[in-house]
Amino acid sequence: MTGDDKIRSAFENKNWQEIKVTDSWQIFKIMAEFVDGFEKLAKIGPCVSIFGSARTPNDSKYYKLAEDIAAKLTERGYGVISGGGPGIMEAANKGAYEAGGKSVGLNIELPFEQFHNKYIDRDKLLEFDYFFIRKVMFMKYSQGFIVLPGGFGTMDEMFEAITLIQTGKIARFPIVLVGSEYWKGLLDWVKSTMVENKTISPEDLNLYRLVDTAEEATEHIFRFYDKYVLKPNF
């Protein structure tokens, strides 16, 4: 019986003491994921994370765009980190792998959807049970985020990065959104509603850049690090 099965059983039988004990032991599993992630990712060097939907088919223009972006990043010595799964994540790893660059996958174990793609370097595949640990790894070891069209998970990762930079909890790094036709409605709402209602500052709009091509996306990363030193974000 797994730890999650024990928790479910304890709830069903209203065994509250067992739930408390199980929660305490879960700390060690969380620590183990952090330690494994830190040890492996500290060795890989400068990387850029590419995000996007796991549902993107391989004949989509965004799949091809993610491949091109990854290849251009590797040409300049950057490794590429993805969420390890299919769709845009696969395209990012494929672009890096076929260009001879470092291809990293931070895979998450899910009941029905996620499976790691075949373009991740064998020694750079990490498997996570916890989304929050996986996001820490993205934040700490990525020198930039390039975000293609995606769903709730993509939004979660993007907005967490923007929030942490906005609040000064991590160092500033470039965040690039790719695809005006996809992002325009959301960004117009951010400007017309959030800025107008003063829930964010007008300066916060400078925390990200909207582009349409692989060249624009990668050049924004390269120009940023012409000015700043490459290092972990916190």
Protein backbone atom coordinates (compact mmCIF):
# COMPACT_ATOMS: atom_id res chain seq x y z
CA MET A 1 0.00 0.00 0.00
CA THR A 2 1.40 3.41 -1.01
CA GLY A 3 1.47 6.45 1.25
CA ASP A 4 -1.47 7.96 -0.64
CA ASP A 5 -3.45 4.71 -0.23
CA LYS A 6 -2.81 4.80 3.52
CA ILE A 7 -4.08 8.38 3.75
CA ARG A 8 -7.22 7.48 1.76
CA SER A 9 -7.82 4.45 3.97
CA ALA A 10 -7.35 6.50 7.11
CA PHE A 11 -9.92 9.06 5.93
CA GLU A 12 -12.42 6.36 5.01
CA ASN A 13 -12.04 4.78 8.46
CA LYS A 14 -11.84 8.16 10.25
CA ASN A 15 -8.51 7.21 11.77
CA TRP A 16 -7.30 10.76 12.45
CA GLN A 17 -4.21 9.69 14.41
CA GLU A 18 -2.93 7.65 11.47
CA ILE A 19 -3.47 10.65 9.16
CA LYS A 20 -1.26 12.82 11.40
CA VAL A 21 1.50 10.19 11.48
CA THR A 22 1.36 9.68 7.72
CA ASP A 23 1.55 13.43 7.11
CA SER A 24 4.68 13.66 9.24
CA TRP A 25 6.44 10.87 7.34
CA GLN A 26 5.47 12.51 4.04
CA ILE A 27 7.99 15.24 4.86
CA PHE A 28 10.81 12.79 4.11
CA LYS A 29 9.39 12.01 0.67
CA ILE A 30 9.17 15.74 -0.05
CA MET A 31 12.75 16.26 1.14
CA ALA A 32 13.96 13.40 -1.05
CA GLU A 33 12.42 14.98 -4.17
CA PHE A 34 14.04 18.33 -3.36
CA VAL A 35 17.47 16.77 -2.75
CA ASP A 36 17.36 14.70 -5.94
CA GLY A 37 16.28 17.71 -7.98
CA PHE A 38 18.91 20.04 -6.55
CA GLU A 39 21.72 17.52 -6.99
CA LYS A 40 20.93 16.77 -10.63
CA LEU A 41 19.98 20.24 -11.85
CA ALA A 42 22.90 22.04 -10.19
CA LYS A 43 25.19 20.26 -12.69
CA ILE A 44 23.47 21.05 -15.97
CA GLY A 45 24.57 24.67 -16.51
CA PRO A 46 22.53 27.54 -18.01
CA CYS A 47 19.10 26.46 -19.23
CA VAL A 48 15.90 27.99 -20.54
CA SER A 49 12.51 26.42 -19.82
CA ILE A 50 9.98 26.06 -22.62
CA PHE A 51 6.33 25.67 -21.57
CA GLY A 52 3.15 24.85 -23.46
CA SER A 53 0.30 22.44 -23.82
CA ALA A 54 0.76 18.68 -23.63
CA ARG A 55 -2.15 18.44 -26.10
CA THR A 56 -0.44 20.24 -28.98
CA PRO A 57 -0.21 17.86 -32.00
CA ASN A 58 3.12 17.46 -33.77
CA ASP A 59 1.75 19.01 -36.97
CA SER A 60 0.88 22.27 -35.17
CA LYS A 61 2.77 25.43 -36.05
CA TYR A 62 3.47 25.88 -32.33
CA TYR A 63 5.09 22.44 -32.12
CA LYS A 64 7.46 23.43 -34.93
CA LEU A 65 8.04 26.82 -33.31
CA ALA A 66 9.01 25.18 -30.01
CA GLU A 67 11.48 22.93 -31.89
CA ASP A 68 13.05 25.94 -33.61
CA ILE A 69 13.33 27.91 -30.38
CA ALA A 70 15.02 25.00 -28.60
CA ALA A 71 17.51 24.48 -31.43
CA LYS A 72 18.45 28.18 -31.46
CA LEU A 73 18.97 28.15 -27.70
CA THR A 74 21.33 25.19 -27.91
CA GLU A 75 23.34 26.92 -30.63
CA ARG A 76 24.20 29.56 -28.03
CA GLY A 77 25.12 27.00 -25.36
CA TYR A 78 21.88 26.91 -23.38
CA GLY A 79 20.25 23.68 -22.29
CA VAL A 80 16.48 23.30 -22.62
CA ILE A 81 14.16 22.29 -19.79
CA SER A 82 10.61 21.11 -20.39
CA GLY A 83 7.90 19.51 -18.32
CA GLY A 84 8.98 16.20 -19.82
CA GLY A 85 5.70 15.22 -21.42
CA PRO A 86 4.15 15.27 -24.93
CA GLY A 87 3.03 18.22 -27.06
CA ILE A 88 5.03 21.45 -26.73
CA MET A 89 7.20 19.78 -24.09
CA GLU A 90 8.19 17.04 -26.53
CA ALA A 91 8.88 19.61 -29.24
CA ALA A 92 11.21 21.54 -26.93
CA ASN A 93 13.17 18.43 -25.98
CA LYS A 94 13.25 17.27 -29.59
CA GLY A 95 14.66 20.57 -30.82
CA ALA A 96 17.41 20.51 -28.19
CA TYR A 97 18.18 16.81 -28.60
CA GLU A 98 18.45 16.87 -32.38
CA ALA A 99 20.61 20.00 -32.26
CA GLY A 100 23.04 18.24 -29.91
CA GLY A 101 22.19 20.32 -26.85
CA LYS A 102 21.24 19.44 -23.29
CA SER A 103 17.66 18.19 -23.10
CA VAL A 104 16.15 18.14 -19.60
CA GLY A 105 12.71 16.84 -18.60
CA LEU A 106 10.97 17.48 -15.29
CA ASN A 107 8.20 14.94 -15.59
CA ILE A 108 5.21 14.78 -13.23
CA GLU A 109 3.44 11.53 -12.40
CA LEU A 110 -0.28 11.85 -13.23
CA PRO A 111 -2.98 9.15 -13.21
CA PHE A 112 -3.95 9.28 -16.89
CA GLU A 113 -2.08 11.88 -18.94
CA GLN A 114 1.61 12.44 -18.41
CA PHE A 115 4.33 10.21 -19.84
CA HIS A 116 7.85 11.36 -20.56
CA ASN A 117 8.91 11.89 -24.15
CA LYS A 118 11.80 10.09 -25.85
CA TYR A 119 13.92 13.18 -26.55
CA ILE A 120 15.10 13.76 -22.98
CA ASP A 121 18.73 12.92 -22.16
CA ARG A 122 18.68 9.78 -20.02
CA ASP A 123 20.71 11.37 -17.23
CA LYS A 124 18.52 14.51 -17.24
CA LEU A 125 15.08 13.01 -16.68
CA LEU A 126 13.57 13.71 -13.26
CA GLU A 127 10.27 12.26 -12.06
CA PHE A 128 8.16 14.22 -9.55
CA ASP A 129 5.11 13.40 -7.46
CA TYR A 130 4.59 16.99 -6.30
CA PHE A 131 3.79 19.92 -8.57
CA PHE A 132 5.14 22.46 -6.08
CA ILE A 133 8.59 20.82 -5.96
CA ARG A 134 8.71 20.62 -9.74
CA LYS A 135 7.89 24.34 -9.98
CA VAL A 136 10.69 25.18 -7.55
CA MET A 137 13.12 23.41 -9.90
CA PHE A 138 11.86 25.41 -12.88
CA MET A 139 12.19 28.67 -10.96
CA LYS A 140 15.62 27.98 -9.51
CA TYR A 141 17.45 26.56 -12.51
CA SER A 142 15.91 28.36 -15.51
CA GLN A 143 17.60 31.46 -16.87
CA GLY A 144 14.44 32.28 -18.79
CA PHE A 145 10.89 31.12 -19.49
CA ILE A 146 9.57 30.83 -23.04
CA VAL A 147 5.83 30.23 -22.95
CA LEU A 148 3.86 28.90 -25.90
CA PRO A 149 0.09 28.31 -25.97
CA GLY A 150 -1.04 26.10 -23.11
CA GLY A 151 -3.71 25.46 -20.52
CA PHE A 152 -4.07 25.88 -16.78
CA GLY A 153 -0.70 24.30 -16.00
CA THR A 154 1.10 26.64 -18.38
CA MET A 155 -0.73 29.64 -16.90
CA ASP A 156 0.15 28.49 -13.40
CA GLU A 157 3.87 28.30 -14.16
CA MET A 158 3.90 31.60 -16.04
CA PHE A 159 1.99 33.63 -13.45
CA GLU A 160 3.93 32.16 -10.53
CA ALA A 161 7.18 33.31 -12.16
CA ILE A 162 5.76 36.78 -12.81
CA THR A 163 4.51 37.01 -9.22
CA LEU A 164 7.82 35.93 -7.69
CA ILE A 165 9.74 38.45 -9.80
CA GLN A 166 7.17 41.19 -9.11
CA THR A 167 7.47 40.66 -5.35
CA GLY A 168 11.25 40.37 -5.36
CA LYS A 169 11.26 36.78 -4.12
CA ILE A 170 13.48 35.65 -7.00
CA ALA A 171 15.91 37.46 -9.27
CA ARG A 172 14.61 39.01 -12.47
CA PHE A 173 14.81 36.78 -15.53
CA PRO A 174 13.23 37.07 -19.00
CA ILE A 175 9.71 35.73 -19.58
CA VAL A 176 8.70 35.50 -23.24
CA LEU A 177 5.19 34.69 -24.46
CA VAL A 178 5.08 33.33 -28.01
CA GLY A 179 2.00 33.71 -30.21
CA SER A 180 0.13 37.04 -30.33
CA GLU A 181 -3.08 35.48 -31.59
CA TYR A 182 -3.20 33.20 -28.55
CA TRP A 183 -2.08 35.58 -25.81
CA LYS A 184 -3.53 38.90 -27.01
CA GLY A 185 -6.95 38.51 -25.36
CA LEU A 186 -5.43 37.67 -21.98
CA LEU A 187 -2.84 40.45 -22.13
CA ASP A 188 -5.42 43.01 -23.25
CA TRP A 189 -7.51 42.03 -20.22
CA VAL A 190 -4.49 42.36 -17.92
CA LYS A 191 -3.92 45.87 -19.24
CA SER A 192 -7.53 47.05 -19.42
CA THR A 193 -8.78 45.46 -16.22
CA MET A 194 -5.92 44.77 -13.81
CA VAL A 195 -3.98 47.96 -14.52
CA GLU A 196 -7.14 50.07 -14.71
CA ASN A 197 -8.33 48.71 -11.36
CA LYS A 198 -4.83 49.26 -9.91
CA THR A 199 -4.46 45.64 -8.83
CA ILE A 200 -1.09 45.71 -10.61
CA SER A 201 1.18 48.59 -11.57
CA PRO A 202 1.69 49.70 -15.19
CA GLU A 203 5.38 48.82 -14.73
CA ASP A 204 4.40 45.18 -14.16
CA LEU A 205 3.59 44.91 -17.86
CA ASN A 206 7.35 45.04 -18.45
CA LEU A 207 7.87 41.72 -16.65
CA TYR A 208 7.12 39.80 -19.84
CA ARG A 209 7.56 40.19 -23.59
CA LEU A 210 5.14 39.11 -26.35
CA VAL A 211 6.67 37.85 -29.62
CA ASP A 212 5.75 35.74 -32.63
CA THR A 213 8.95 34.19 -33.96
CA ALA A 214 11.70 31.90 -32.72
CA GLU A 215 14.26 34.61 -33.50
CA GLU A 216 12.43 37.21 -31.38
CA ALA A 217 12.00 34.80 -28.49
CA THR A 218 15.62 33.72 -28.30
CA GLU A 219 17.09 37.17 -28.99
CA HIS A 220 15.22 38.54 -25.99
CA ILE A 221 16.95 35.92 -23.83
CA PHE A 222 20.36 36.58 -25.37
CA ARG A 223 20.10 40.37 -25.02
CA PHE A 224 19.10 40.05 -21.38
CA TYR A 225 22.23 38.04 -20.55
CA ASP A 226 24.47 40.42 -22.46
CA LYS A 227 23.82 42.63 -19.42
CA TYR A 228 23.45 40.20 -16.52
CA VAL A 229 25.44 37.30 -15.07
CA LEU A 230 24.07 33.77 -15.46
CA LYS A 231 23.35 32.22 -12.05
CA PRO A 232 20.59 30.34 -10.15
CA ASN A 233 17.61 32.57 -9.43
CA PHE A 234 17.55 32.15 -5.63
